Structure formats: structure tokens, C-alpha cells
């Protein structure tokens, strides 16, 4: 009898529910391979995905390899080109001095010792129209550059960027998760945006600045080579005089292009819809694959113009960045494939079904279900959509505005990012962190976002119900 049939037999006899068995097997294997044996992340995640498929009767044994490959491919479709272009943007903006010029521009506004506030504000605003992972691609080089210039506080700067971005990703439409939840729960979109900002801003401040400063005082994470950028290059650039750096407009142009095009597409689709010639044009230029490609071209041109490299050496530098980006894309897609196999095993529906019968208040029920689904299958967006579908029939008697229910779901779906979340690997690889450092910083930060976000949701829904 094969392992797949053994899993099915355990389900039929009632010894261990098949979804739970798949979760336990996948979790044990991924921790064993990645945390204990230190197997390369890509290999360990793919092995874990196969293990889940082997014990999940919901997936036919002969279809397991294809299902994993499809999930890997689907994730690569979403992040492949953006990550590779982000590698070029990061390398080019760092080596050309553009990132350094932007950081110094921030210093003129917030002061040299308060770079975390400018990084926090930039991430919070940019992440409203732009996907969270793209915010990381654009702003992580700035956090690294600021740390090189200050010779300290890298942990704080990284949390300032990541914490603010993940909050708006989970709470504020038009990000897809909260946008879809608002639709399913019949919440007014404008009200949901306002409530998302009300809940999200203090949550982001507490995590990005409060937790960021706390963990920064306890963890001195060093700058490491990442995305084709060496620490020596960062340190050299940090001591260069400002008049030898690109102008502020040219330095900001890659970020402006990416954020502007993507944000304009999001705005146009919400206001005018996706049809017609305007919709077609905005869908093209606002697609992340095109917008980041254009941003990469602009950044690379500045890099070539500011460097003393000939075209051959310049091309080799960009190729090295692409090689680093390819490894990150592979690891990220593998993490997504592992999470997809857990989802295919039915663990999200299994956990949600158990929790929905506990008779908790609707806000607590929504938060608990979203939290559980997020932890066991990895994707925040899937957790939001799953939970919204479950609680929608229960929301008829909910007296505060339905936007608060969207916030409770978003808070739960943000919690504890770990190995089955592609975002975990993006943070780790872009930031040059170890797995332990990522768990102690990013995983804790996402959990705090969940807790604080839910607390503010309860507080505002009680004293400002908007009903």
C-alpha cells in the first residue's frame, strides 16, 4: 500500500483526519530539513510539498508531481519577472548611488537619525496601490543603504519597511484581499478604505517603529551581500559626497514609474472599470511585469551613465544580479508550492469548519478562522477569501459597519508568516537574513500586526460603529 493510500485509510478509520495528517507531515519535514539539517531552502520546500501530496488523499497519487509543478509555475508567473527586474533595480540603484541619494533626501526631511520614519511612511503609502512584495523590491535597497550610511539600525529600517507594507496589504483596499472581502461582505468600499486607514496606521506605527526599535536594540543583524549588492559597495557609496551622486529626480524615477503606473492602473480599474481602450492601455502599462521592467531599464541606464564600466562589464554586473534574483524567485515559488499543497489537502477548510462551530462573537470568529487558515496554508489572500466566504452568511446581524469585519479578517490573515508563506522567503532573501533572524523579526512582526490590528478593530467598532 502506498503512502497516499495509507493517508486515505487513516482518514476512513477516523484515526487521523487526512488534512491534519498532511499538515503534521509537511510541518515536521520542512522544519527537519530547513531548520535542523540546513538543506537548501528550494530543495527542502519541494521535498516537503511532495511529502504533503503523498499523504493527502484529496490529490490523486499520480497527479502529485504535476500539481506541485503547476503550483510552482503559478507562483513563478506572479513573481518571476518582478523579482528578476527588482534585482536589476536594486543593483542599479545601489551601485549608481541613486539609493544613497534618496536616503539623503529623506534625511533632509526627517533628520539623519530618523530615517526609520521616512521609510515607514513611504512603505505605508506606496503599499496601498502596489502589491506588498513589489514594495519590498523597491524599498529594501533603501533600508540597506540607510543602514550602511548610519552604520547601525538595519533591523529597525527593515522592520520599518516591511511592517508598514504588510499592514496596508492586509487592511486597505484596493489591495486584492481586503477588496474581495469587502465585496463578499457587502461593505462599502470607501468606508472600508477609511476604516482600513484608521485601523492600519496605529497598527503599523506600533509594529514598524515600536517593535522595530525594541527588536533593533536586542538583535544586531549585520548587512550581508544580497541581490547582487555587496556590503563593501554599500559602505563605499555611503561615504561619497552628494555632488557625486545622481540628482534626486533621476534617482527617484524608477520608484515613481513603478508606483505611478501600478497605482494608476488600480485607480483607473476601480473608477472606470477594465473595459475599453483606456482600460486596455492602463492594464498594459500598469501590469507589474511591464512597470518593473521599465523601471529596471531606467535604473540600469542611470547605473551605466554613473559608472566607469564599459558595456560588457556593465552587462556582467546586471547578469550577476539576475542570477541572485533567480535563486530568490525559485525559493519563493517553492514556498508557494508547499503552501498550495497544504491548501489542496483541505487543511484550511478543515480548520475553518471546526472553528466556525464554536459560537464565538462574529468578530472573534472571523479573526480566529483567518488566523488558523493563514498559519496552516501560508497565503494571506487565500485566508481572507476563505474566511470571508465562511462568515458572510453569519454577518446579517452584525451591527457595526461591515468594514470592521473586513478588518478582523485582514488582521487574522496577516499573522505569523513562516515557511509556507512566499513572503517569508522574499523578506529573508532580499534582506540577507538567516532563517532564525527572519522568524525572530518578520514572523513576530506579522503576529503583532494581527494582534494590534484586531485590538484596534474591536476598539473602533465599539466606540465608532459607523452603523
Protein backbone atom coordinates (compact mmCIF):
# COMPACT_ATOMS: atom_id res chain seq x y z
CA UNK A 1 0.00 0.00 0.00
CA UNK A 2 1.40 3.44 -0.97
CA UNK A 3 1.72 6.36 1.38
CA UNK A 4 -1.16 8.11 -0.33
CA UNK A 5 -3.40 5.11 0.32
CA UNK A 6 -2.19 4.92 3.93
CA UNK A 7 -3.30 8.52 4.43
CA UNK A 8 -6.68 7.67 2.94
CA UNK A 9 -7.01 4.66 5.22
CA UNK A 10 -6.25 6.72 8.30
CA UNK A 11 -8.97 9.14 7.23
CA UNK A 12 -11.52 6.37 6.72
CA UNK A 13 -10.83 4.76 10.08
CA UNK A 14 -11.02 8.09 11.88
CA UNK A 15 -7.56 7.73 13.42
CA UNK A 16 -6.19 10.97 11.96
CA UNK A 17 -8.14 13.29 9.65
CA UNK A 18 -6.33 13.45 6.32
CA UNK A 19 -5.92 17.27 6.25
CA UNK A 20 -4.43 17.22 9.74
CA UNK A 21 -2.10 14.37 8.81
CA UNK A 22 -0.89 16.35 5.78
CA UNK A 23 -0.26 19.43 7.94
CA UNK A 24 1.72 17.48 10.55
CA UNK A 25 3.81 15.64 7.96
CA UNK A 26 4.55 18.80 5.96
CA UNK A 27 5.43 20.84 9.04
CA UNK A 28 7.72 18.19 10.53
CA UNK A 29 9.56 17.65 7.26
CA UNK A 30 10.07 21.31 6.44
CA UNK A 31 11.37 22.04 9.95
CA UNK A 32 13.58 18.94 9.88
CA UNK A 33 15.10 19.78 6.51
CA UNK A 34 15.40 23.55 6.76
CA UNK A 35 15.96 24.25 10.44
CA UNK A 36 17.83 21.13 11.55
CA UNK A 37 19.63 19.67 8.54
CA UNK A 38 20.12 23.06 6.84
CA UNK A 39 19.10 21.73 3.45
CA UNK A 40 18.93 24.46 0.77
CA UNK A 41 15.54 26.15 1.04
CA UNK A 42 14.39 25.40 -2.51
CA UNK A 43 15.14 21.68 -2.20
CA UNK A 44 13.64 21.37 1.28
CA UNK A 45 10.40 23.12 0.33
CA UNK A 46 9.89 20.98 -2.79
CA UNK A 47 10.54 17.78 -0.81
CA UNK A 48 8.03 18.93 1.82
CA UNK A 49 5.46 19.64 -0.90
CA UNK A 50 5.89 16.10 -2.26
CA UNK A 51 5.50 14.69 1.26
CA UNK A 52 2.21 16.54 1.72
CA UNK A 53 0.97 15.26 -1.62
CA UNK A 54 1.85 11.69 -0.73
CA UNK A 55 -0.29 11.64 2.42
CA UNK A 56 -3.20 13.74 1.10
CA UNK A 57 -5.92 11.54 -0.44
CA UNK A 58 -7.56 14.66 -1.89
CA UNK A 59 -4.79 14.67 -4.51
CA UNK A 60 -4.50 11.51 -6.64
CA UNK A 61 -1.05 9.97 -6.26
CA UNK A 62 -0.28 10.16 -9.97
CA UNK A 63 -1.20 13.85 -10.06
CA UNK A 64 1.03 14.95 -7.17
CA UNK A 65 4.16 15.83 -9.22
CA UNK A 66 2.09 17.72 -11.80
CA UNK A 67 0.15 19.55 -9.09
CA UNK A 68 3.38 20.69 -7.44
CA UNK A 69 4.87 21.79 -10.76
CA UNK A 70 1.70 23.71 -11.61
CA UNK A 71 1.67 25.43 -8.23
CA UNK A 72 5.36 26.30 -8.62
CA UNK A 73 4.65 27.67 -12.09
CA UNK A 74 1.63 29.67 -10.96
CA UNK A 75 3.73 31.30 -8.27
CA UNK A 76 6.54 31.94 -10.73
CA UNK A 77 4.09 33.63 -13.09
CA UNK A 78 3.31 36.15 -10.37
CA UNK A 79 6.81 36.78 -9.05
CA UNK A 80 9.33 35.61 -11.67
CA UNK A 81 9.75 38.72 -13.83
CA UNK A 82 9.12 41.17 -10.95
CA UNK A 83 11.84 39.60 -8.77
CA UNK A 84 14.35 39.49 -11.63
CA UNK A 85 13.62 43.11 -12.53
CA UNK A 86 13.80 44.04 -8.86
CA UNK A 87 17.28 42.51 -8.78
CA UNK A 88 18.32 44.86 -11.59
CA UNK A 89 16.63 47.84 -9.91
CA UNK A 90 18.27 47.12 -6.57
CA UNK A 91 21.72 46.57 -8.05
CA UNK A 92 21.47 49.60 -10.33
CA UNK A 93 20.08 52.00 -7.73
CA UNK A 94 22.71 50.96 -5.22
CA UNK A 95 25.75 50.98 -7.48
CA UNK A 96 24.75 54.18 -9.28
CA UNK A 97 24.28 56.00 -5.98
CA UNK A 98 20.56 56.58 -6.61
CA UNK A 99 19.51 54.76 -3.44
CA UNK A 100 22.06 56.73 -1.46
CA UNK A 101 20.75 59.98 -2.94
CA UNK A 102 17.17 59.11 -1.95
CA UNK A 103 18.21 58.26 1.61
CA UNK A 104 20.00 61.58 1.92
CA UNK A 105 16.89 63.29 0.60
CA UNK A 106 14.90 61.61 3.38
CA UNK A 107 17.48 62.82 5.89
CA UNK A 108 16.84 66.41 4.85
CA UNK A 109 13.16 65.93 5.74
CA UNK A 110 13.28 63.78 8.88
CA UNK A 111 16.82 64.27 10.14
CA UNK A 112 19.78 61.93 9.86
CA UNK A 113 18.80 59.99 12.99
CA UNK A 114 15.16 59.40 11.97
CA UNK A 115 15.44 57.51 8.68
CA UNK A 116 13.01 54.89 10.01
CA UNK A 117 10.14 57.39 9.88
CA UNK A 118 10.66 58.21 6.22
CA UNK A 119 10.98 54.51 5.34
CA UNK A 120 7.85 53.75 7.36
CA UNK A 121 5.80 56.50 5.72
CA UNK A 122 6.98 55.62 2.23
CA UNK A 123 6.13 51.93 2.65
CA UNK A 124 2.71 52.59 4.19
CA UNK A 125 1.65 54.92 1.37
CA UNK A 126 3.20 53.02 -1.53
CA UNK A 127 1.72 49.69 -0.42
CA UNK A 128 -1.86 50.98 -0.80
CA UNK A 129 -1.89 50.81 -4.62
CA UNK A 130 1.11 48.46 -5.04
CA UNK A 131 1.43 44.81 -4.02
CA UNK A 132 3.41 44.28 -0.83
CA UNK A 133 6.16 42.20 -2.45
CA UNK A 134 6.76 44.96 -5.01
CA UNK A 135 7.11 47.46 -2.16
CA UNK A 136 9.84 45.27 -0.73
CA UNK A 137 11.60 45.08 -4.09
CA UNK A 138 11.65 48.88 -4.30
CA UNK A 139 12.34 49.89 -0.69
CA UNK A 140 14.59 47.16 0.73
CA UNK A 141 17.61 48.64 -1.09
CA UNK A 142 16.84 51.95 0.63
CA UNK A 143 16.75 50.25 4.03
CA UNK A 144 20.09 48.60 3.30
CA UNK A 145 21.58 51.87 2.08
CA UNK A 146 20.36 53.76 5.14
CA UNK A 147 21.91 51.12 7.41
CA UNK A 148 25.23 51.39 5.56
CA UNK A 149 25.17 55.17 5.91
CA UNK A 150 24.30 55.08 9.61
CA UNK A 151 26.50 52.03 10.28
CA UNK A 152 23.70 50.73 12.51
CA UNK A 153 19.95 50.09 12.88
CA UNK A 154 19.49 47.69 9.95
CA UNK A 155 16.92 45.64 11.89
CA UNK A 156 14.88 48.78 12.58
CA UNK A 157 14.97 50.00 8.99
CA UNK A 158 13.96 46.62 7.59
CA UNK A 159 11.03 46.30 10.02
CA UNK A 160 10.00 49.90 9.27
CA UNK A 161 9.62 48.99 5.59
CA UNK A 162 8.17 45.51 5.99
CA UNK A 163 5.80 46.22 8.88
CA UNK A 164 4.14 49.22 7.26
CA UNK A 165 3.78 47.49 3.91
CA UNK A 166 2.21 44.33 5.27
CA UNK A 167 -0.40 46.34 7.20
CA UNK A 168 -1.80 48.11 4.17
CA UNK A 169 -1.61 44.82 2.24
CA UNK A 170 -3.98 43.21 4.74
CA UNK A 171 -6.24 46.13 5.70
CA UNK A 172 -6.60 48.76 2.98
CA UNK A 173 -8.28 48.27 -0.42
CA UNK A 174 -7.59 48.26 -3.34
CA UNK A 175 -5.19 45.51 -2.25
CA UNK A 176 -6.92 42.34 -3.59
CA UNK A 177 -7.57 40.59 -0.26
CA UNK A 178 -9.49 43.31 1.59
CA UNK A 179 -11.06 44.44 -1.70
CA UNK A 180 -12.54 40.97 -2.29
CA UNK A 181 -13.60 40.63 1.36
CA UNK A 182 -15.41 43.96 1.22
CA UNK A 183 -17.29 42.74 -1.82
CA UNK A 184 -18.25 39.41 -0.25
CA UNK A 185 -19.41 41.09 2.95
CA UNK A 186 -21.23 43.92 1.11
CA UNK A 187 -19.10 46.55 2.83
CA UNK A 188 -18.96 50.00 1.24
CA UNK A 189 -15.57 50.33 -0.46
CA UNK A 190 -15.00 53.96 0.53
CA UNK A 191 -15.86 53.24 4.16
CA UNK A 192 -13.61 50.18 4.13
CA UNK A 193 -10.69 52.27 2.90
CA UNK A 194 -11.25 54.87 5.63
CA UNK A 195 -11.62 52.21 8.35
CA UNK A 196 -8.56 50.42 6.96
CA UNK A 197 -6.51 53.57 7.37
CA UNK A 198 -7.94 54.16 10.87
CA UNK A 199 -7.02 50.65 12.00
CA UNK A 200 -3.89 50.29 9.91
CA UNK A 201 -1.98 53.46 10.74
CA UNK A 202 -1.67 52.96 14.53
CA UNK A 203 -1.09 49.24 13.98
CA UNK A 204 1.72 49.93 11.53
CA UNK A 205 3.27 52.57 13.80
CA UNK A 206 3.31 50.24 16.80
CA UNK A 207 4.91 47.43 14.81
CA UNK A 208 7.22 49.27 12.40
CA UNK A 209 8.50 51.86 14.87
CA UNK A 210 7.67 50.42 18.31
CA UNK A 211 8.59 46.78 17.76
CA UNK A 212 11.25 47.81 15.25
CA UNK A 213 13.13 49.85 17.86
CA UNK A 214 12.64 47.17 20.51
CA UNK A 215 13.98 44.30 18.41
CA UNK A 216 16.72 46.52 16.97
CA UNK A 217 18.09 47.04 20.48
CA UNK A 218 18.23 43.27 21.01
CA UNK A 219 19.26 41.95 17.59
CA UNK A 220 22.20 43.40 15.72
CA UNK A 221 21.63 41.94 12.26
CA UNK A 222 24.63 42.71 10.05
CA UNK A 223 24.40 43.83 6.45
CA UNK A 224 25.21 40.92 4.16
CA UNK A 225 25.63 40.58 0.42
CA UNK A 226 22.17 40.27 -1.16
CA UNK A 227 20.58 40.61 -4.60
CA UNK A 228 23.97 41.17 -6.25
CA UNK A 229 24.82 44.01 -3.84
CA UNK A 230 27.86 43.63 -1.61
CA UNK A 231 28.29 45.32 1.74
CA UNK A 232 31.56 46.85 0.53
CA UNK A 233 29.70 48.58 -2.30
CA UNK A 234 27.09 49.91 0.14
CA UNK A 235 29.72 51.21 2.54
CA UNK A 236 31.74 52.86 -0.22
CA UNK A 237 28.69 54.60 -1.59
CA UNK A 238 27.63 55.81 1.89
CA UNK A 239 30.79 57.92 2.19
CA UNK A 240 30.57 59.51 -1.26
CA UNK A 241 29.84 63.22 -1.39
CA UNK A 242 26.33 64.17 -2.50
CA UNK A 243 27.50 66.16 -5.51
CA UNK A 244 28.94 62.96 -6.99
CA UNK A 245 25.56 61.19 -6.80
CA UNK A 246 22.71 61.30 -9.35
CA UNK A 247 20.08 64.01 -8.98
CA UNK A 248 17.09 63.35 -6.76
CA UNK A 249 14.61 63.28 -9.67
CA UNK A 250 16.65 60.78 -11.66
CA UNK A 251 17.23 58.70 -8.52
CA UNK A 252 13.52 58.52 -7.70
CA UNK A 253 12.42 57.85 -11.28
CA UNK A 254 12.41 54.01 -11.12
CA UNK A 255 10.23 54.07 -7.99
CA UNK A 256 7.95 56.77 -9.42
CA UNK A 257 7.48 54.77 -12.63
CA UNK A 258 6.65 51.53 -10.84
CA UNK A 259 4.38 53.06 -8.21
CA UNK A 260 2.80 55.55 -10.59
CA UNK A 261 1.94 53.06 -13.32
CA UNK A 262 0.69 50.35 -10.97
CA UNK A 263 -1.25 52.83 -8.85
CA UNK A 264 -2.78 54.50 -11.91
CA UNK A 265 -3.94 51.12 -13.20
CA UNK A 266 -5.53 50.27 -9.85
CA UNK A 267 -7.27 53.64 -9.66
CA UNK A 268 -8.49 53.53 -13.26
CA UNK A 269 -9.87 49.99 -12.90
CA UNK A 270 -11.77 50.96 -9.74
CA UNK A 271 -13.19 54.17 -11.23
CA UNK A 272 -13.66 53.39 -14.91
CA UNK A 273 -13.67 49.59 -14.94
CA UNK A 274 -11.43 47.41 -17.06
CA UNK A 275 -13.17 47.73 -20.42
CA UNK A 276 -12.46 50.00 -23.37
CA UNK A 277 -9.27 51.37 -24.83
CA UNK A 278 -8.28 53.23 -21.66
CA UNK A 279 -8.66 50.05 -19.63
CA UNK A 280 -6.51 48.11 -22.10
CA UNK A 281 -3.76 50.73 -22.04
CA UNK A 282 -3.76 51.02 -18.25
CA UNK A 283 -3.78 47.24 -17.84
CA UNK A 284 -0.69 47.08 -20.04
CA UNK A 285 1.39 49.87 -18.53
CA UNK A 286 0.15 49.18 -15.01
CA UNK A 287 0.92 45.47 -15.10
CA UNK A 288 3.71 44.76 -12.63
CA UNK A 289 5.72 42.83 -15.21
CA UNK A 290 5.83 45.82 -17.58
CA UNK A 291 6.11 48.58 -14.99
CA UNK A 292 9.02 46.94 -13.17
CA UNK A 293 10.70 46.13 -16.47
CA UNK A 294 10.54 49.79 -17.48
CA UNK A 295 11.74 50.83 -14.02
CA UNK A 296 14.65 48.38 -14.33
CA UNK A 297 15.63 49.81 -17.72
CA UNK A 298 15.62 53.36 -16.32
CA UNK A 299 17.62 52.33 -13.25
CA UNK A 300 20.12 50.38 -15.37
CA UNK A 301 20.67 53.37 -17.67
CA UNK A 302 21.47 55.56 -14.67
CA UNK A 303 23.83 52.86 -13.40
CA UNK A 304 25.64 52.75 -16.75
CA UNK A 305 25.83 56.53 -17.01
CA UNK A 306 27.15 56.99 -13.47
CA UNK A 307 29.64 54.11 -13.55
CA UNK A 308 33.00 53.87 -15.29
CA UNK A 309 32.15 50.43 -16.68
CA UNK A 310 32.15 49.58 -20.35
CA UNK A 311 29.06 47.89 -21.75
CA UNK A 312 30.48 44.38 -21.35
CA UNK A 313 31.31 44.84 -17.66
CA UNK A 314 28.02 46.65 -17.09
CA UNK A 315 26.15 43.70 -18.62
CA UNK A 316 28.07 41.24 -16.46
CA UNK A 317 27.14 43.19 -13.32
CA UNK A 318 23.45 43.03 -14.26
CA UNK A 319 23.78 39.31 -15.05
CA UNK A 320 25.15 38.66 -11.57
CA UNK A 321 22.15 40.48 -10.11
CA UNK A 322 19.82 38.34 -12.24
CA UNK A 323 21.49 35.15 -11.01
CA UNK A 324 20.84 36.20 -7.42
CA UNK A 325 17.27 37.18 -8.30
CA UNK A 326 16.67 33.82 -9.99
CA UNK A 327 17.58 31.98 -6.79
CA UNK A 328 15.19 34.16 -4.80
CA UNK A 329 12.39 33.61 -7.31
CA UNK A 330 12.89 29.82 -7.18
CA UNK A 331 12.82 29.73 -3.38
CA UNK A 332 9.75 31.98 -3.23
CA UNK A 333 7.84 29.90 -5.78
CA UNK A 334 8.79 26.71 -3.94
CA UNK A 335 7.37 28.15 -0.71
CA UNK A 336 4.19 28.95 -2.59
CA UNK A 337 4.04 25.38 -3.95
CA UNK A 338 4.38 23.97 -0.43
CA UNK A 339 1.55 26.19 0.77
CA UNK A 340 -0.55 25.25 -2.27
CA UNK A 341 -0.20 21.53 -1.48
CA UNK A 342 -1.35 22.15 2.08
CA UNK A 343 -4.33 24.04 0.66
CA UNK A 344 -5.05 21.17 -1.76
CA UNK A 345 -5.02 18.77 1.19
CA UNK A 346 -8.01 20.69 2.57
CA UNK A 347 -6.39 21.86 5.80
CA UNK A 348 -7.80 25.38 5.52
CA UNK A 349 -11.40 24.20 5.15
CA UNK A 350 -10.87 21.58 7.86
CA UNK A 351 -9.63 24.09 10.44
CA UNK A 352 -12.20 26.70 9.45
CA UNK A 353 -15.02 24.18 9.71
CA UNK A 354 -14.01 23.26 13.27
CA UNK A 355 -13.65 26.86 14.44
CA UNK A 356 -16.87 28.11 12.86
CA UNK A 357 -18.89 25.92 15.18
CA UNK A 358 -17.58 27.31 18.46
CA UNK A 359 -20.23 30.02 18.83
CA UNK A 360 -17.83 32.92 19.32
CA UNK A 361 -18.78 36.51 18.54
CA UNK A 362 -18.64 37.28 14.83
CA UNK A 363 -15.53 39.50 15.03
CA UNK A 364 -13.65 36.96 17.14
CA UNK A 365 -14.83 34.09 14.93
CA UNK A 366 -13.62 35.86 11.79
CA UNK A 367 -10.24 36.68 13.31
CA UNK A 368 -9.66 33.18 14.71
CA UNK A 369 -10.63 31.43 11.47
CA UNK A 370 -8.47 33.74 9.34
CA UNK A 371 -5.56 33.27 11.76
CA UNK A 372 -5.80 29.49 11.63
CA UNK A 373 -6.16 29.33 7.85
CA UNK A 374 -3.23 31.71 7.37
CA UNK A 375 -0.89 29.72 9.61
CA UNK A 376 -1.65 26.33 8.10
CA UNK A 377 -1.57 27.23 4.39
CA UNK A 378 0.55 30.40 4.18
CA UNK A 379 -1.27 32.80 1.85
CA UNK A 380 -2.83 35.87 3.45
CA UNK A 381 -5.06 36.44 0.43
CA UNK A 382 -6.36 32.85 0.49
CA UNK A 383 -7.02 33.17 4.22
CA UNK A 384 -9.00 36.37 3.64
CA UNK A 385 -11.09 34.88 0.83
CA UNK A 386 -11.71 31.61 2.68
CA UNK A 387 -12.78 33.35 5.88
CA UNK A 388 -14.96 35.92 4.12
CA UNK A 389 -16.86 33.12 2.41
CA UNK A 390 -17.42 31.34 5.72
CA UNK A 391 -18.54 34.33 7.79
CA UNK A 392 -20.60 36.11 5.10
CA UNK A 393 -23.77 34.10 5.90
CA UNK A 394 -23.27 34.88 9.61
CA UNK A 395 -22.83 38.64 9.17
CA UNK A 396 -26.50 39.58 8.79
CA UNK A 397 -26.93 40.61 12.43
CA UNK A 398 -23.58 42.39 12.73
CA UNK A 399 -24.42 45.91 13.93
CA UNK A 400 -21.15 47.86 13.46
CA UNK A 401 -20.21 48.65 9.88
CA UNK A 402 -19.23 45.58 7.84
CA UNK A 403 -15.88 47.23 7.17
CA UNK A 404 -14.85 46.23 10.68
CA UNK A 405 -15.47 42.61 9.80
CA UNK A 406 -13.14 43.05 6.83
CA UNK A 407 -10.52 44.41 9.27
CA UNK A 408 -10.89 41.44 11.64
CA UNK A 409 -10.38 39.05 8.74
CA UNK A 410 -7.40 41.02 7.43
CA UNK A 411 -5.81 41.06 10.87
CA UNK A 412 -6.14 37.32 11.27
CA UNK A 413 -4.87 36.64 7.76
CA UNK A 414 -1.68 38.61 8.43
CA UNK A 415 -0.48 36.61 11.42
CA UNK A 416 2.72 34.55 11.76
CA UNK A 417 4.32 34.35 8.35
CA UNK A 418 6.58 31.30 8.25
CA UNK A 419 7.98 28.67 5.87
CA UNK A 420 4.79 28.10 3.87
CA UNK A 421 4.42 31.81 3.03
CA UNK A 422 6.26 33.12 -0.02
CA UNK A 423 6.54 36.49 1.73
CA UNK A 424 8.77 34.88 4.37
CA UNK A 425 11.29 33.93 1.72
CA UNK A 426 11.13 37.28 -0.03
CA UNK A 427 11.97 39.07 3.23
CA UNK A 428 14.72 36.60 4.06
CA UNK A 429 16.42 36.72 0.67
CA UNK A 430 16.03 40.43 -0.11
CA UNK A 431 17.13 41.38 3.37
CA UNK A 432 20.04 38.92 3.52
CA UNK A 433 18.70 37.34 6.72
CA UNK A 434 19.09 33.87 8.17
CA UNK A 435 16.02 31.74 8.80
CA UNK A 436 16.26 32.31 12.55
CA UNK A 437 16.60 36.08 12.09
CA UNK A 438 13.57 36.08 9.80
CA UNK A 439 11.49 34.17 12.34
CA UNK A 440 12.52 36.48 15.18
CA UNK A 441 11.83 39.67 13.22
CA UNK A 442 9.39 39.21 10.34
CA UNK A 443 7.34 36.35 11.83
CA UNK A 444 6.97 38.16 15.15
CA UNK A 445 6.15 41.43 13.38
CA UNK A 446 3.33 39.85 11.36
CA UNK A 447 1.92 38.28 14.51
CA UNK A 448 1.95 41.66 16.27
CA UNK A 449 0.21 43.22 13.26
CA UNK A 450 -2.53 40.62 13.69
CA UNK A 451 -2.94 41.21 17.42
CA UNK A 452 -2.77 45.02 17.33
CA UNK A 453 -4.93 45.19 14.22
CA UNK A 454 -7.64 43.10 15.84
CA UNK A 455 -7.44 45.14 19.07
CA UNK A 456 -7.90 48.41 17.17
CA UNK A 457 -10.73 46.85 15.18
CA UNK A 458 -12.59 45.96 18.39
CA UNK A 459 -11.86 49.39 19.88
CA UNK A 460 -13.08 51.41 16.90
CA UNK A 461 -16.08 49.17 16.24
CA UNK A 462 -17.17 49.68 19.86
CA UNK A 463 -16.80 53.46 20.09
CA UNK A 464 -17.22 54.39 16.41
CA UNK A 465 -19.52 51.70 14.95
CA UNK A 466 -20.43 53.70 11.81
CA UNK A 467 -23.67 51.69 11.62
